[in-house]
Amino acid sequence: MQNQINNEMQITIHYLNGQTESYTFSHLADPAALEQEVQQEIRRILDKEWWFFHLAEQTVCVNRANVSKIELKPAIAQIHGEGVFPNAQRVTALSRAHT
């Protein structure tokens, strides 16, 4: 788990038009933060209309309305409560019908 050692996360954004892109960044919260603080910070960020990714050469602005799904790696076990399914396992990957 090299990402956990480096305190890095990866976010993969899936857009409504079928495109995806991924970014890596430092953890959103202090690794020693209380579970409730981590959960609140992530929910606060995901609730924003725009997300900003500051890269070395540019800033990417993502409108949440164009996003169908995000994936975070490594898993964030601190998130729990309403709308969270603990210990879930992916049985099949998402597939789309060919048109």
N, C-alpha and C. Protein backbone atom coordinates (compact mmCIF):
# COMPACT_ATOMS: atom_id res chain seq x y z
N MET A 1 0.82 -1.18 0.00
CA MET A 1 0.00 0.00 0.00
C MET A 1 0.87 1.25 0.00
N GLN A 2 1.55 1.50 -1.07
CA GLN A 2 2.45 2.64 -1.19
C GLN A 2 1.72 3.96 -0.99
N ASN A 3 0.48 4.08 -1.47
CA ASN A 3 -0.27 5.33 -1.32
C ASN A 3 -0.48 5.68 0.14
N GLN A 4 -0.79 4.69 0.97
CA GLN A 4 -1.03 4.97 2.38
C GLN A 4 0.25 5.42 3.06
N ILE A 5 1.39 4.86 2.68
CA ILE A 5 2.66 5.26 3.26
C ILE A 5 2.97 6.69 2.88
N ASN A 6 2.70 7.08 1.65
CA ASN A 6 2.98 8.43 1.17
C ASN A 6 1.88 9.42 1.52
N ASN A 7 0.85 8.98 2.23
CA ASN A 7 -0.28 9.84 2.59
C ASN A 7 -0.96 10.40 1.34
N GLU A 8 -1.04 9.61 0.28
CA GLU A 8 -1.68 10.04 -0.96
C GLU A 8 -2.98 9.29 -1.20
N MET A 9 -3.88 9.98 -1.88
CA MET A 9 -5.13 9.38 -2.32
C MET A 9 -5.23 9.54 -3.82
N GLN A 10 -6.03 8.69 -4.42
CA GLN A 10 -6.34 8.82 -5.85
C GLN A 10 -7.84 8.96 -5.98
N ILE A 11 -8.25 9.94 -6.78
CA ILE A 11 -9.67 10.11 -7.09
C ILE A 11 -9.84 9.88 -8.58
N THR A 12 -10.79 9.04 -8.94
CA THR A 12 -11.16 8.83 -10.34
C THR A 12 -12.56 9.38 -10.51
N ILE A 13 -12.69 10.30 -11.46
CA ILE A 13 -13.96 10.97 -11.71
C ILE A 13 -14.57 10.39 -12.97
N HIS A 14 -15.80 9.94 -12.87
CA HIS A 14 -16.55 9.41 -14.01
C HIS A 14 -17.59 10.45 -14.40
N TYR A 15 -17.49 10.93 -15.63
CA TYR A 15 -18.40 11.98 -16.11
C TYR A 15 -19.64 11.37 -16.77
N LEU A 16 -20.69 12.17 -16.84
CA LEU A 16 -21.94 11.72 -17.45
C LEU A 16 -21.76 11.32 -18.91
N ASN A 17 -20.78 11.92 -19.61
CA ASN A 17 -20.57 11.61 -21.02
C ASN A 17 -19.73 10.34 -21.23
N GLY A 18 -19.38 9.64 -20.15
CA GLY A 18 -18.64 8.39 -20.25
C GLY A 18 -17.14 8.53 -20.09
N GLN A 19 -16.61 9.74 -20.08
CA GLN A 19 -15.17 9.95 -19.90
C GLN A 19 -14.79 9.82 -18.43
N THR A 20 -13.52 9.49 -18.20
CA THR A 20 -13.00 9.42 -16.83
C THR A 20 -11.65 10.10 -16.78
N GLU A 21 -11.28 10.57 -15.60
CA GLU A 21 -9.92 11.06 -15.36
C GLU A 21 -9.60 10.85 -13.90
N SER A 22 -8.30 10.73 -13.61
CA SER A 22 -7.85 10.46 -12.25
C SER A 22 -6.82 11.48 -11.80
N TYR A 23 -6.81 11.74 -10.50
CA TYR A 23 -5.85 12.65 -9.88
C TYR A 23 -5.34 12.00 -8.61
N THR A 24 -4.14 12.35 -8.21
CA THR A 24 -3.63 11.97 -6.90
C THR A 24 -3.41 13.25 -6.11
N PHE A 25 -3.54 13.15 -4.80
CA PHE A 25 -3.35 14.30 -3.92
C PHE A 25 -3.11 13.79 -2.51
N SER A 26 -2.64 14.70 -1.65
CA SER A 26 -2.44 14.35 -0.25
C SER A 26 -3.80 14.14 0.40
N HIS A 27 -3.82 13.34 1.44
CA HIS A 27 -5.08 13.07 2.15
C HIS A 27 -5.79 14.37 2.47
N LEU A 28 -7.11 14.32 2.47
CA LEU A 28 -7.93 15.49 2.76
C LEU A 28 -7.78 15.93 4.21
N ALA A 29 -7.53 15.01 5.09
CA ALA A 29 -7.46 15.32 6.52
C ALA A 29 -6.21 14.70 7.12
N ASP A 30 -5.85 15.17 8.27
CA ASP A 30 -4.75 14.62 9.03
C ASP A 30 -5.06 13.15 9.31
N PRO A 31 -4.10 12.24 9.01
CA PRO A 31 -4.37 10.81 9.24
C PRO A 31 -4.76 10.50 10.68
N ALA A 32 -4.34 11.33 11.63
CA ALA A 32 -4.67 11.10 13.03
C ALA A 32 -6.00 11.75 13.43
N ALA A 33 -6.67 12.39 12.48
CA ALA A 33 -7.94 13.08 12.77
C ALA A 33 -8.99 12.09 13.23
N LEU A 34 -9.91 12.58 14.01
CA LEU A 34 -11.01 11.75 14.47
C LEU A 34 -11.88 11.34 13.29
N GLU A 35 -12.51 10.18 13.39
CA GLU A 35 -13.37 9.68 12.32
C GLU A 35 -14.42 10.70 11.91
N GLN A 36 -15.03 11.34 12.88
CA GLN A 36 -16.09 12.30 12.57
C GLN A 36 -15.55 13.47 11.76
N GLU A 37 -14.34 13.93 12.06
CA GLU A 37 -13.74 15.04 11.32
C GLU A 37 -13.48 14.65 9.86
N VAL A 38 -12.96 13.44 9.65
CA VAL A 38 -12.70 12.96 8.29
C VAL A 38 -14.01 12.87 7.52
N GLN A 39 -15.01 12.27 8.12
CA GLN A 39 -16.30 12.11 7.46
C GLN A 39 -16.91 13.46 7.11
N GLN A 40 -16.87 14.41 8.03
CA GLN A 40 -17.44 15.74 7.77
C GLN A 40 -16.69 16.46 6.66
N GLU A 41 -15.37 16.35 6.66
CA GLU A 41 -14.58 17.04 5.63
C GLU A 41 -14.88 16.48 4.24
N ILE A 42 -14.96 15.18 4.10
CA ILE A 42 -15.24 14.57 2.79
C ILE A 42 -16.64 14.94 2.33
N ARG A 43 -17.61 14.83 3.20
CA ARG A 43 -18.99 15.19 2.82
C ARG A 43 -19.10 16.67 2.45
N ARG A 44 -18.36 17.54 3.13
CA ARG A 44 -18.36 18.97 2.82
C ARG A 44 -17.81 19.21 1.41
N ILE A 45 -16.72 18.55 1.08
CA ILE A 45 -16.11 18.70 -0.24
C ILE A 45 -17.03 18.17 -1.32
N LEU A 46 -17.59 16.99 -1.11
CA LEU A 46 -18.47 16.39 -2.12
C LEU A 46 -19.76 17.18 -2.31
N ASP A 47 -20.12 17.99 -1.34
CA ASP A 47 -21.34 18.79 -1.43
C ASP A 47 -21.15 20.08 -2.24
N LYS A 48 -19.90 20.43 -2.53
CA LYS A 48 -19.61 21.66 -3.28
C LYS A 48 -20.03 21.51 -4.73
N GLU A 49 -20.48 22.62 -5.33
CA GLU A 49 -20.89 22.61 -6.74
C GLU A 49 -19.69 22.44 -7.68
N TRP A 50 -18.55 23.01 -7.30
CA TRP A 50 -17.33 22.92 -8.11
C TRP A 50 -16.21 22.33 -7.27
N TRP A 51 -15.39 21.48 -7.90
CA TRP A 51 -14.17 20.95 -7.29
C TRP A 51 -12.99 21.52 -8.06
N PHE A 52 -11.93 21.91 -7.36
CA PHE A 52 -10.75 22.51 -7.98
C PHE A 52 -9.53 21.63 -7.70
N PHE A 53 -8.85 21.23 -8.75
CA PHE A 53 -7.63 20.43 -8.65
C PHE A 53 -6.48 21.30 -9.11
N HIS A 54 -5.62 21.72 -8.16
CA HIS A 54 -4.48 22.57 -8.49
C HIS A 54 -3.31 21.67 -8.87
N LEU A 55 -2.97 21.67 -10.15
CA LEU A 55 -1.84 20.91 -10.67
C LEU A 55 -0.66 21.85 -10.83
N ALA A 56 0.51 21.32 -11.10
CA ALA A 56 1.70 22.15 -11.27
C ALA A 56 1.54 23.13 -12.43
N GLU A 57 0.91 22.70 -13.51
CA GLU A 57 0.83 23.51 -14.72
C GLU A 57 -0.53 24.17 -14.95
N GLN A 58 -1.55 23.78 -14.17
CA GLN A 58 -2.89 24.35 -14.38
C GLN A 58 -3.79 24.01 -13.20
N THR A 59 -4.94 24.66 -13.17
CA THR A 59 -5.99 24.31 -12.22
C THR A 59 -7.16 23.77 -13.02
N VAL A 60 -7.64 22.60 -12.63
CA VAL A 60 -8.78 21.98 -13.31
C VAL A 60 -10.01 22.19 -12.44
N CYS A 61 -11.07 22.71 -13.05
CA CYS A 61 -12.34 22.96 -12.36
C CYS A 61 -13.35 21.93 -12.85
N VAL A 62 -13.95 21.20 -11.93
CA VAL A 62 -14.92 20.16 -12.29
C VAL A 62 -16.27 20.54 -11.71
N ASN A 63 -17.27 20.61 -12.56
CA ASN A 63 -18.63 20.89 -12.11
C ASN A 63 -19.27 19.58 -11.68
N ARG A 64 -19.65 19.51 -10.44
CA ARG A 64 -20.21 18.28 -9.87
C ARG A 64 -21.44 17.80 -10.63
N ALA A 65 -22.16 18.70 -11.27
CA ALA A 65 -23.37 18.32 -12.02
C ALA A 65 -23.05 17.43 -13.21
N ASN A 66 -21.79 17.43 -13.66
CA ASN A 66 -21.37 16.61 -14.80
C ASN A 66 -20.77 15.27 -14.39
N VAL A 67 -20.79 14.97 -13.10
CA VAL A 67 -20.15 13.77 -12.56
C VAL A 67 -21.20 12.74 -12.20
N SER A 68 -20.98 11.51 -12.67
CA SER A 68 -21.91 10.43 -12.33
C SER A 68 -21.41 9.61 -11.14
N LYS A 69 -20.07 9.55 -10.96
CA LYS A 69 -19.52 8.72 -9.89
C LYS A 69 -18.09 9.15 -9.64
N ILE A 70 -17.62 8.98 -8.40
CA ILE A 70 -16.20 9.13 -8.10
C ILE A 70 -15.75 7.88 -7.36
N GLU A 71 -14.47 7.56 -7.52
CA GLU A 71 -13.86 6.45 -6.79
C GLU A 71 -12.65 7.00 -6.05
N LEU A 72 -12.50 6.62 -4.78
CA LEU A 72 -11.37 7.05 -3.97
C LEU A 72 -10.55 5.83 -3.57
N LYS A 73 -9.24 5.94 -3.71
CA LYS A 73 -8.32 4.88 -3.28
C LYS A 73 -7.22 5.53 -2.46
N PRO A 74 -6.83 4.95 -1.35
CA PRO A 74 -7.38 3.74 -0.73
C PRO A 74 -8.76 4.02 -0.14
N ALA A 75 -9.42 2.96 0.28
CA ALA A 75 -10.75 3.09 0.87
C ALA A 75 -10.69 3.97 2.12
N ILE A 76 -11.78 4.66 2.39
CA ILE A 76 -11.85 5.54 3.57
C ILE A 76 -12.84 4.90 4.54
N ALA A 77 -12.32 4.09 5.43
CA ALA A 77 -13.16 3.33 6.36
C ALA A 77 -13.84 4.23 7.40
N GLN A 78 -13.34 5.46 7.56
CA GLN A 78 -13.91 6.35 8.57
C GLN A 78 -15.30 6.86 8.20
N ILE A 79 -15.71 6.72 6.94
CA ILE A 79 -17.03 7.21 6.55
C ILE A 79 -18.07 6.17 6.94
N HIS A 80 -19.06 6.59 7.70
CA HIS A 80 -20.12 5.68 8.11
C HIS A 80 -21.38 6.49 8.33
N GLY A 81 -22.48 5.80 8.55
CA GLY A 81 -23.74 6.48 8.80
C GLY A 81 -24.70 6.33 7.64
N GLU A 82 -25.65 7.24 7.57
CA GLU A 82 -26.71 7.19 6.57
C GLU A 82 -26.13 7.27 5.16
N GLY A 83 -26.56 6.36 4.29
CA GLY A 83 -26.12 6.34 2.90
C GLY A 83 -24.79 5.64 2.67
N VAL A 84 -24.24 4.99 3.70
CA VAL A 84 -22.96 4.29 3.58
C VAL A 84 -23.19 2.80 3.76
N PHE A 85 -22.63 2.00 2.86
CA PHE A 85 -22.74 0.54 2.93
C PHE A 85 -21.39 -0.03 3.34
N PRO A 86 -21.19 -0.36 4.62
CA PRO A 86 -19.89 -0.89 5.05
C PRO A 86 -19.68 -2.32 4.53
N ASN A 87 -18.43 -2.69 4.38
CA ASN A 87 -18.04 -4.04 3.97
C ASN A 87 -18.66 -4.47 2.65
N ALA A 88 -18.88 -3.53 1.74
CA ALA A 88 -19.43 -3.86 0.43
C ALA A 88 -18.35 -4.49 -0.44
N GLN A 89 -18.77 -5.34 -1.35
CA GLN A 89 -17.85 -5.95 -2.32
C GLN A 89 -18.44 -5.78 -3.70
N ARG A 90 -17.58 -5.38 -4.66
CA ARG A 90 -18.03 -5.23 -6.04
C ARG A 90 -18.10 -6.62 -6.66
N VAL A 91 -19.25 -6.98 -7.16
CA VAL A 91 -19.45 -8.29 -7.78
C VAL A 91 -19.18 -8.20 -9.28
N THR A 92 -19.71 -7.18 -9.90
CA THR A 92 -19.44 -6.96 -11.33
C THR A 92 -19.13 -5.49 -11.54
N ALA A 93 -18.26 -5.22 -12.49
CA ALA A 93 -17.94 -3.85 -12.85
C ALA A 93 -19.09 -3.26 -13.66
N LEU A 94 -19.19 -1.95 -13.62
CA LEU A 94 -20.22 -1.27 -14.40
C LEU A 94 -20.00 -1.53 -15.87
N SER A 95 -21.06 -1.85 -16.57
CA SER A 95 -20.95 -2.04 -18.02
C SER A 95 -22.03 -1.21 -18.68
N ARG A 96 -21.76 -0.80 -19.91
CA ARG A 96 -22.71 0.01 -20.66
C ARG A 96 -23.10 -0.74 -21.92
N ALA A 97 -24.33 -0.56 -22.32
CA ALA A 97 -24.79 -1.18 -23.57
C ALA A 97 -24.13 -0.47 -24.74
N HIS A 98 -23.71 -1.23 -25.73
CA HIS A 98 -23.12 -0.65 -26.93
C HIS A 98 -24.23 -0.14 -27.82
N THR A 99 -24.06 1.08 -28.34
CA THR A 99 -25.10 1.64 -29.20
C THR A 99 -24.64 1.69 -30.63
